[in-house]
Amino acid sequence: MSILLWLLLAVLLFLIIKYQLYLFLTPEKRLPVLMYHHVLPVAENELTVTVENLDRQFALLKKNGYKTLFFNELNALKASEKKIIITFDDGYLNNKKNLLPLLEKYDFKATIFIATQLIEKNRDGIFMTFDEIRNLDKNLVEIGLHSHTHRNYEQLTPEEIHADLQKNMEVLEKNQIPFTKVLAYPYGRFPQTQEFFKIIKENKIEFALRIGNKINAFPRKNPYTLNRMDIKNSTTLSAFKWKIILGKLKLF
């Protein structure tokens, strides 16, 4: 076999592993998870998607037969080739105003991750109140955990992480807000240690999410390392289409 052929095979193997193309052999195991923050009529920064662009993205998902899910449906899920989870971080008021009408329009669901101290302080009124969160349509929105203080877990001690996570749940319970025990790591960062995962497990967290920009194979051996794909203002519809197929678009 020539050197050129070996090189081509090596490149092909690299691409198959890099983009997890082997998952196309078992499409029922593919689980893309999308990550958003703000949704506004006009984009203010990279963490904002416009209402128009989100509408176009949802229309593309609908056209391609994707079924949106809550995390609390995953364990009882029947085989589906086109499942996807839509997530929004922090609990911004613009989610209530601009996201929910689109969820209703397309008969979609989304999970909103709440960092409870941000809601308590609610500087400049940019976040929903606890009353607003409690009254969100439960057929459209599932509430998840996003820590209490929104600090990087890599920079906290195990004791601080445990206390922060407990506080996150306690505040939601105090405000009578039902939630699923799924955690989106603040900034997508977490200590990759057995001690940390033990804390997560002891708090009966079912799933936890980083960023990663990869398609998940589900079920997953470690449910605390699920990947999300960040969708930003600069994400074109073409890039969005490829992202839900390949995950990470850059080679390196």
C-alpha atoms as a PDB file:
ATOM      1  CA  MET A   1       0.000   0.000   0.000  1.00  0.00           C
ATOM      2  CA  SER A   2       1.448   3.373  -0.992  1.00  0.00           C
ATOM      3  CA  ILE A   3       2.346   6.103   1.503  1.00  0.00           C
ATOM      4  CA  LEU A   4      -0.284   8.378  -0.065  1.00  0.00           C
ATOM      5  CA  LEU A   5      -3.028   5.811   0.515  1.00  0.00           C
ATOM      6  CA  TRP A   6      -1.928   5.331   4.132  1.00  0.00           C
ATOM      7  CA  LEU A   7      -2.011   9.110   4.557  1.00  0.00           C
ATOM      8  CA  LEU A   8      -5.510   9.346   3.114  1.00  0.00           C
ATOM      9  CA  LEU A   9      -6.718   6.558   5.417  1.00  0.00           C
ATOM     10  CA  ALA A  10      -5.139   8.323   8.415  1.00  0.00           C
ATOM     11  CA  VAL A  11      -6.889  11.587   7.502  1.00  0.00           C
ATOM     12  CA  LEU A  12     -10.207   9.758   7.064  1.00  0.00           C
ATOM     13  CA  LEU A  13      -9.832   8.052  10.447  1.00  0.00           C
ATOM     14  CA  PHE A  14      -8.977  11.403  12.047  1.00  0.00           C
ATOM     15  CA  LEU A  15     -12.131  13.012  10.610  1.00  0.00           C
ATOM     16  CA  ILE A  16     -14.322  10.081  11.677  1.00  0.00           C
ATOM     17  CA  ILE A  17     -13.071  10.362  15.264  1.00  0.00           C
ATOM     18  CA  LYS A  18     -12.915  14.176  15.338  1.00  0.00           C
ATOM     19  CA  TYR A  19     -16.504  14.627  14.192  1.00  0.00           C
ATOM     20  CA  GLN A  20     -17.830  11.375  15.666  1.00  0.00           C
ATOM     21  CA  LEU A  21     -19.070  10.323  12.222  1.00  0.00           C
ATOM     22  CA  TYR A  22     -19.434   6.782  13.525  1.00  0.00           C
ATOM     23  CA  LEU A  23     -22.598   7.960  15.283  1.00  0.00           C
ATOM     24  CA  PHE A  24     -24.337   8.017  11.920  1.00  0.00           C
ATOM     25  CA  LEU A  25     -24.244   4.205  12.078  1.00  0.00           C
ATOM     26  CA  THR A  26     -26.504   4.418  15.147  1.00  0.00           C
ATOM     27  CA  PRO A  27     -28.498   7.638  14.609  1.00  0.00           C
ATOM     28  CA  GLU A  28     -30.830   6.832  17.499  1.00  0.00           C
ATOM     29  CA  LYS A  29     -27.875   7.461  19.859  1.00  0.00           C
ATOM     30  CA  ARG A  30     -27.106  10.962  18.536  1.00  0.00           C
ATOM     31  CA  LEU A  31     -28.044  13.729  20.996  1.00  0.00           C
ATOM     32  CA  PRO A  32     -27.240  17.308  19.998  1.00  0.00           C
ATOM     33  CA  VAL A  33     -27.690  19.857  22.805  1.00  0.00           C
ATOM     34  CA  LEU A  34     -27.852  23.539  21.832  1.00  0.00           C
ATOM     35  CA  MET A  35     -26.785  26.382  24.149  1.00  0.00           C
ATOM     36  CA  TYR A  36     -28.163  29.920  23.983  1.00  0.00           C
ATOM     37  CA  HIS A  37     -28.290  32.956  26.283  1.00  0.00           C
ATOM     38  CA  HIS A  38     -30.146  36.068  25.077  1.00  0.00           C
ATOM     39  CA  VAL A  39     -32.769  36.356  22.346  1.00  0.00           C
ATOM     40  CA  LEU A  40     -33.601  39.919  21.258  1.00  0.00           C
ATOM     41  CA  PRO A  41     -34.944  41.764  18.198  1.00  0.00           C
ATOM     42  CA  VAL A  42     -31.473  43.238  17.649  1.00  0.00           C
ATOM     43  CA  ALA A  43     -28.267  41.500  18.719  1.00  0.00           C
ATOM     44  CA  GLU A  44     -26.289  43.340  21.417  1.00  0.00           C
ATOM     45  CA  ASN A  45     -23.308  40.966  21.649  1.00  0.00           C
ATOM     46  CA  GLU A  46     -22.085  37.491  20.672  1.00  0.00           C
ATOM     47  CA  LEU A  47     -24.240  35.858  23.362  1.00  0.00           C
ATOM     48  CA  THR A  48     -27.387  37.220  21.707  1.00  0.00           C
ATOM     49  CA  VAL A  49     -29.326  35.610  18.893  1.00  0.00           C
ATOM     50  CA  THR A  50     -31.939  37.699  17.142  1.00  0.00           C
ATOM     51  CA  VAL A  51     -35.578  36.670  17.142  1.00  0.00           C
ATOM     52  CA  GLU A  52     -35.381  36.419  13.347  1.00  0.00           C
ATOM     53  CA  ASN A  53     -32.365  34.096  13.400  1.00  0.00           C
ATOM     54  CA  LEU A  54     -33.796  31.907  16.153  1.00  0.00           C
ATOM     55  CA  ASP A  55     -37.028  31.633  14.170  1.00  0.00           C
ATOM     56  CA  ARG A  56     -35.045  30.488  11.126  1.00  0.00           C
ATOM     57  CA  GLN A  57     -33.059  27.983  13.200  1.00  0.00           C
ATOM     58  CA  PHE A  58     -36.225  26.526  14.733  1.00  0.00           C
ATOM     59  CA  ALA A  59     -37.833  26.357  11.275  1.00  0.00           C
ATOM     60  CA  LEU A  60     -34.819  24.382  10.003  1.00  0.00           C
ATOM     61  CA  LEU A  61     -35.049  21.944  12.934  1.00  0.00           C
ATOM     62  CA  LYS A  62     -38.776  21.492  12.331  1.00  0.00           C
ATOM     63  CA  LYS A  63     -38.299  20.980   8.587  1.00  0.00           C
ATOM     64  CA  ASN A  64     -35.651  18.331   9.251  1.00  0.00           C
ATOM     65  CA  GLY A  65     -37.861  16.387  11.639  1.00  0.00           C
ATOM     66  CA  TYR A  66     -36.091  17.068  14.950  1.00  0.00           C
ATOM     67  CA  LYS A  67     -38.023  16.351  18.131  1.00  0.00           C
ATOM     68  CA  THR A  68     -37.172  18.568  21.104  1.00  0.00           C
ATOM     69  CA  LEU A  69     -36.946  16.993  24.546  1.00  0.00           C
ATOM     70  CA  PHE A  70     -36.655  17.867  28.216  1.00  0.00           C
ATOM     71  CA  PHE A  71     -33.850  16.262  30.203  1.00  0.00           C
ATOM     72  CA  ASN A  72     -36.453  14.625  32.426  1.00  0.00           C
ATOM     73  CA  GLU A  73     -37.612  12.645  29.394  1.00  0.00           C
ATOM     74  CA  LEU A  74     -34.216  11.204  28.454  1.00  0.00           C
ATOM     75  CA  ASN A  75     -34.130   8.105  30.635  1.00  0.00           C
ATOM     76  CA  ALA A  76     -37.548   6.962  29.464  1.00  0.00           C
ATOM     77  CA  LEU A  77     -36.843   7.879  25.853  1.00  0.00           C
ATOM     78  CA  LYS A  78     -37.732   5.498  23.065  1.00  0.00           C
ATOM     79  CA  ALA A  79     -35.399   5.255  20.076  1.00  0.00           C
ATOM     80  CA  SER A  80     -35.606   8.382  17.965  1.00  0.00           C
ATOM     81  CA  GLU A  81     -33.344   9.359  15.126  1.00  0.00           C
ATOM     82  CA  LYS A  82     -33.966  13.102  15.344  1.00  0.00           C
ATOM     83  CA  LYS A  83     -33.891  14.160  18.981  1.00  0.00           C
ATOM     84  CA  ILE A  84     -32.396  17.447  20.156  1.00  0.00           C
ATOM     85  CA  ILE A  85     -32.339  19.498  23.377  1.00  0.00           C
ATOM     86  CA  ILE A  86     -32.530  23.293  23.360  1.00  0.00           C
ATOM     87  CA  THR A  87     -31.061  25.103  26.393  1.00  0.00           C
ATOM     88  CA  PHE A  88     -30.863  28.720  27.558  1.00  0.00           C
ATOM     89  CA  ASP A  89     -28.629  29.905  30.395  1.00  0.00           C
ATOM     90  CA  ASP A  90     -29.207  32.298  33.316  1.00  0.00           C
ATOM     91  CA  GLY A  91     -32.935  33.124  33.113  1.00  0.00           C
ATOM     92  CA  TYR A  92     -33.055  36.392  31.182  1.00  0.00           C
ATOM     93  CA  LEU A  93     -36.337  38.276  30.887  1.00  0.00           C
ATOM     94  CA  ASN A  94     -35.915  38.362  27.112  1.00  0.00           C
ATOM     95  CA  ASN A  95     -36.278  34.556  27.119  1.00  0.00           C
ATOM     96  CA  LYS A  96     -39.801  34.939  28.491  1.00  0.00           C
ATOM     97  CA  LYS A  97     -40.681  37.678  26.007  1.00  0.00           C
ATOM     98  CA  ASN A  98     -39.051  36.326  22.854  1.00  0.00           C
ATOM     99  CA  LEU A  99     -38.307  32.612  23.267  1.00  0.00           C
ATOM    100  CA  LEU A 100     -41.653  31.315  24.482  1.00  0.00           C
ATOM    101  CA  PRO A 101     -43.685  32.562  21.486  1.00  0.00           C
ATOM    102  CA  LEU A 102     -41.284  30.680  19.181  1.00  0.00           C
ATOM    103  CA  LEU A 103     -41.479  27.517  21.283  1.00  0.00           C
ATOM    104  CA  GLU A 104     -45.257  27.697  21.030  1.00  0.00           C
ATOM    105  CA  LYS A 105     -45.112  28.434  17.285  1.00  0.00           C
ATOM    106  CA  TYR A 106     -43.028  25.328  16.529  1.00  0.00           C
ATOM    107  CA  ASP A 107     -44.370  23.111  19.333  1.00  0.00           C
ATOM    108  CA  PHE A 108     -40.841  22.944  20.778  1.00  0.00           C
ATOM    109  CA  LYS A 109     -39.478  22.596  24.307  1.00  0.00           C
ATOM    110  CA  ALA A 110     -36.486  24.220  25.994  1.00  0.00           C
ATOM    111  CA  THR A 111     -34.593  23.957  29.269  1.00  0.00           C
ATOM    112  CA  ILE A 112     -33.671  27.191  31.061  1.00  0.00           C
ATOM    113  CA  PHE A 113     -30.807  26.924  33.557  1.00  0.00           C
ATOM    114  CA  ILE A 114     -31.177  29.227  36.559  1.00  0.00           C
ATOM    115  CA  ALA A 115     -28.332  30.748  38.593  1.00  0.00           C
ATOM    116  CA  THR A 116     -30.403  31.713  41.621  1.00  0.00           C
ATOM    117  CA  GLN A 117     -28.237  34.537  43.002  1.00  0.00           C
ATOM    118  CA  LEU A 118     -28.509  36.350  39.661  1.00  0.00           C
ATOM    119  CA  ILE A 119     -32.291  36.183  40.002  1.00  0.00           C
ATOM    120  CA  GLU A 120     -32.150  37.406  43.624  1.00  0.00           C
ATOM    121  CA  LYS A 121     -30.039  40.451  42.762  1.00  0.00           C
ATOM    122  CA  ASN A 122     -31.556  41.036  39.304  1.00  0.00           C
ATOM    123  CA  ARG A 123     -29.457  44.073  38.492  1.00  0.00           C
ATOM    124  CA  ASP A 124     -31.085  46.367  35.917  1.00  0.00           C
ATOM    125  CA  GLY A 125     -34.104  44.039  35.761  1.00  0.00           C
ATOM    126  CA  ILE A 126     -32.591  41.928  32.981  1.00  0.00           C
ATOM    127  CA  PHE A 127     -33.560  38.623  34.606  1.00  0.00           C
ATOM    128  CA  MET A 128     -36.966  37.072  35.197  1.00  0.00           C
ATOM    129  CA  THR A 129     -38.310  37.160  38.738  1.00  0.00           C
ATOM    130  CA  PHE A 130     -38.937  33.960  40.669  1.00  0.00           C
ATOM    131  CA  ASP A 131     -42.676  34.494  40.137  1.00  0.00           C
ATOM    132  CA  GLU A 132     -42.157  34.727  36.385  1.00  0.00           C
ATOM    133  CA  ILE A 133     -39.995  31.610  36.355  1.00  0.00           C
ATOM    134  CA  ARG A 134     -42.567  29.692  38.403  1.00  0.00           C
ATOM    135  CA  ASN A 135     -45.349  30.683  36.003  1.00  0.00           C
ATOM    136  CA  LEU A 136     -43.601  29.692  32.777  1.00  0.00           C
ATOM    137  CA  ASP A 137     -45.594  27.207  30.706  1.00  0.00           C
ATOM    138  CA  LYS A 138     -44.365  23.810  31.928  1.00  0.00           C
ATOM    139  CA  ASN A 139     -45.269  22.238  28.593  1.00  0.00           C
ATOM    140  CA  LEU A 140     -42.724  24.517  26.928  1.00  0.00           C
ATOM    141  CA  VAL A 141     -40.035  25.080  29.565  1.00  0.00           C
ATOM    142  CA  GLU A 142     -38.128  22.874  31.969  1.00  0.00           C
ATOM    143  CA  ILE A 143     -36.031  24.500  34.714  1.00  0.00           C
ATOM    144  CA  GLY A 144     -32.501  23.264  35.406  1.00  0.00           C
ATOM    145  CA  LEU A 145     -29.639  24.184  37.741  1.00  0.00           C
ATOM    146  CA  HIS A 146     -26.851  26.642  36.909  1.00  0.00           C
ATOM    147  CA  SER A 147     -25.277  27.075  40.393  1.00  0.00           C
ATOM    148  CA  HIS A 148     -26.219  29.724  42.942  1.00  0.00           C
ATOM    149  CA  THR A 149     -23.364  32.228  42.629  1.00  0.00           C
ATOM    150  CA  HIS A 150     -22.426  31.562  38.987  1.00  0.00           C
ATOM    151  CA  ARG A 151     -18.756  31.096  39.878  1.00  0.00           C
ATOM    152  CA  ASN A 152     -16.347  28.889  37.962  1.00  0.00           C
ATOM    153  CA  TYR A 153     -16.385  25.492  39.690  1.00  0.00           C
ATOM    154  CA  GLU A 154     -12.757  24.915  38.727  1.00  0.00           C
ATOM    155  CA  GLN A 155     -11.842  27.734  41.106  1.00  0.00           C
ATOM    156  CA  LEU A 156     -13.852  26.486  44.100  1.00  0.00           C
ATOM    157  CA  THR A 157     -13.073  23.939  46.789  1.00  0.00           C
ATOM    158  CA  PRO A 158     -15.179  20.746  46.990  1.00  0.00           C
ATOM    159  CA  GLU A 159     -16.888  22.168  50.086  1.00  0.00           C
ATOM    160  CA  GLU A 160     -17.746  25.414  48.256  1.00  0.00           C
ATOM    161  CA  ILE A 161     -19.129  23.511  45.271  1.00  0.00           C
ATOM    162  CA  HIS A 162     -21.328  21.352  47.487  1.00  0.00           C
ATOM    163  CA  ALA A 163     -22.655  24.410  49.367  1.00  0.00           C
ATOM    164  CA  ASP A 164     -23.260  26.332  46.153  1.00  0.00           C
ATOM    165  CA  LEU A 165     -25.182  23.497  44.536  1.00  0.00           C
ATOM    166  CA  GLN A 166     -27.244  22.934  47.665  1.00  0.00           C
ATOM    167  CA  LYS A 167     -28.105  26.643  47.780  1.00  0.00           C
ATOM    168  CA  ASN A 168     -29.119  26.599  44.112  1.00  0.00           C
ATOM    169  CA  MET A 169     -31.664  23.862  44.818  1.00  0.00           C
ATOM    170  CA  GLU A 170     -32.815  25.309  48.149  1.00  0.00           C
ATOM    171  CA  VAL A 171     -33.653  28.708  46.648  1.00  0.00           C
ATOM    172  CA  LEU A 172     -35.670  27.144  43.833  1.00  0.00           C
ATOM    173  CA  GLU A 173     -37.518  24.933  46.323  1.00  0.00           C
ATOM    174  CA  LYS A 174     -38.167  27.907  48.624  1.00  0.00           C
ATOM    175  CA  ASN A 175     -39.747  29.742  45.696  1.00  0.00           C
ATOM    176  CA  GLN A 176     -41.816  26.659  44.777  1.00  0.00           C
ATOM    177  CA  ILE A 177     -40.212  26.284  41.372  1.00  0.00           C
ATOM    178  CA  PRO A 178     -40.167  22.686  40.085  1.00  0.00           C
ATOM    179  CA  PHE A 179     -36.843  21.762  38.504  1.00  0.00           C
ATOM    180  CA  THR A 180     -35.026  18.837  36.971  1.00  0.00           C
ATOM    181  CA  LYS A 181     -31.742  17.801  38.585  1.00  0.00           C
ATOM    182  CA  VAL A 182     -29.668  18.658  35.560  1.00  0.00           C
ATOM    183  CA  LEU A 183     -26.742  21.045  35.997  1.00  0.00           C
ATOM    184  CA  ALA A 184     -25.163  23.338  33.413  1.00  0.00           C
ATOM    185  CA  TYR A 185     -21.669  24.114  34.717  1.00  0.00           C
ATOM    186  CA  PRO A 186     -21.058  27.878  35.002  1.00  0.00           C
ATOM    187  CA  TYR A 187     -18.774  28.861  32.100  1.00  0.00           C
ATOM    188  CA  GLY A 188     -18.818  25.193  31.122  1.00  0.00           C
ATOM    189  CA  ARG A 189     -15.933  24.531  33.538  1.00  0.00           C
ATOM    190  CA  PHE A 190     -15.606  21.892  36.254  1.00  0.00           C
ATOM    191  CA  PRO A 191     -12.876  19.944  38.092  1.00  0.00           C
ATOM    192  CA  GLN A 192     -12.361  16.659  36.292  1.00  0.00           C
ATOM    193  CA  THR A 193     -11.762  14.663  39.475  1.00  0.00           C
ATOM    194  CA  GLN A 194     -13.458  11.698  41.095  1.00  0.00           C
ATOM    195  CA  GLU A 195     -14.055  13.814  44.207  1.00  0.00           C
ATOM    196  CA  PHE A 196     -16.012  16.356  42.176  1.00  0.00           C
ATOM    197  CA  PHE A 197     -18.132  13.734  40.429  1.00  0.00           C
ATOM    198  CA  LYS A 198     -18.833  12.178  43.820  1.00  0.00           C
ATOM    199  CA  ILE A 199     -20.268  15.509  45.020  1.00  0.00           C
ATOM    200  CA  ILE A 200     -22.460  15.738  41.927  1.00  0.00           C
ATOM    201  CA  LYS A 201     -23.700  12.182  42.431  1.00  0.00           C
ATOM    202  CA  GLU A 202     -24.359  12.704  46.153  1.00  0.00           C
ATOM    203  CA  ASN A 203     -26.598  15.643  45.237  1.00  0.00           C
ATOM    204  CA  LYS A 204     -28.564  13.255  42.996  1.00  0.00           C
ATOM    205  CA  ILE A 205     -27.820  15.210  39.841  1.00  0.00           C
ATOM    206  CA  GLU A 206     -28.997  13.173  36.843  1.00  0.00           C
ATOM    207  CA  PHE A 207     -27.055  14.966  34.110  1.00  0.00           C
ATOM    208  CA  ALA A 208     -24.467  17.747  33.945  1.00  0.00           C
ATOM    209  CA  LEU A 209     -23.281  19.724  30.940  1.00  0.00           C
ATOM    210  CA  ARG A 210     -20.118  21.389  29.723  1.00  0.00           C
ATOM    211  CA  ILE A 211     -19.715  23.134  26.359  1.00  0.00           C
ATOM    212  CA  GLY A 212     -17.431  20.927  24.272  1.00  0.00           C
ATOM    213  CA  ASN A 213     -19.185  21.600  20.932  1.00  0.00           C
ATOM    214  CA  LYS A 214     -19.682  17.921  20.166  1.00  0.00           C
ATOM    215  CA  ILE A 215     -22.632  15.690  19.415  1.00  0.00           C
ATOM    216  CA  ASN A 216     -23.354  13.391  22.350  1.00  0.00           C
ATOM    217  CA  ALA A 217     -23.668   9.644  22.147  1.00  0.00           C
ATOM    218  CA  PHE A 218     -26.544   8.790  24.485  1.00  0.00           C
ATOM    219  CA  PRO A 219     -26.765   6.885  26.780  1.00  0.00           C
ATOM    220  CA  ARG A 220     -23.383   8.107  28.021  1.00  0.00           C
ATOM    221  CA  LYS A 221     -21.053   6.299  30.414  1.00  0.00           C
ATOM    222  CA  ASN A 222     -20.481   9.486  32.418  1.00  0.00           C
ATOM    223  CA  PRO A 223     -23.742  11.507  32.506  1.00  0.00           C
ATOM    224  CA  TYR A 224     -21.872  14.466  34.032  1.00  0.00           C
ATOM    225  CA  THR A 225     -19.890  15.314  30.905  1.00  0.00           C
ATOM    226  CA  LEU A 226     -22.601  15.914  28.312  1.00  0.00           C
ATOM    227  CA  ASN A 227     -21.607  18.414  25.621  1.00  0.00           C
ATOM    228  CA  ARG A 228     -23.456  21.505  24.457  1.00  0.00           C
ATOM    229  CA  MET A 229     -22.941  23.450  21.242  1.00  0.00           C
ATOM    230  CA  ASP A 230     -22.915  27.229  21.667  1.00  0.00           C
ATOM    231  CA  ILE A 231     -25.081  29.153  19.209  1.00  0.00           C
ATOM    232  CA  LYS A 232     -24.046  32.792  18.919  1.00  0.00           C
ATOM    233  CA  ASN A 233     -24.897  35.967  17.048  1.00  0.00           C
ATOM    234  CA  SER A 234     -22.245  35.136  14.449  1.00  0.00           C
ATOM    235  CA  THR A 235     -23.641  31.630  13.813  1.00  0.00           C
ATOM    236  CA  THR A 236     -25.050  31.747  10.289  1.00  0.00           C
ATOM    237  CA  LEU A 237     -27.901  29.451   9.279  1.00  0.00           C
ATOM    238  CA  SER A 238     -25.463  27.443   7.177  1.00  0.00           C
ATOM    239  CA  ALA A 239     -23.072  27.087  10.136  1.00  0.00           C
ATOM    240  CA  PHE A 240     -26.023  26.143  12.364  1.00  0.00           C
ATOM    241  CA  LYS A 241     -27.034  23.421   9.922  1.00  0.00           C
ATOM    242  CA  TRP A 242     -23.543  21.924   9.898  1.00  0.00           C
ATOM    243  CA  LYS A 243     -23.147  22.315  13.648  1.00  0.00           C
ATOM    244  CA  ILE A 244     -26.139  20.110  14.435  1.00  0.00           C
ATOM    245  CA  ILE A 245     -24.632  17.519  12.098  1.00  0.00           C
ATOM    246  CA  LEU A 246     -20.946  17.685  13.041  1.00  0.00           C
ATOM    247  CA  GLY A 247     -20.748  19.639  16.319  1.00  0.00           C
ATOM    248  CA  LYS A 248     -17.391  21.413  16.270  1.00  0.00           C
ATOM    249  CA  LEU A 249     -16.769  23.036  12.886  1.00  0.00           C
ATOM    250  CA  LYS A 250     -13.080  23.838  13.306  1.00  0.00           C
ATOM    251  CA  LEU A 251     -10.466  21.151  12.790  1.00  0.00           C
ATOM    252  CA  PHE A 252      -8.207  22.472  15.572  1.00  0.00           C
END
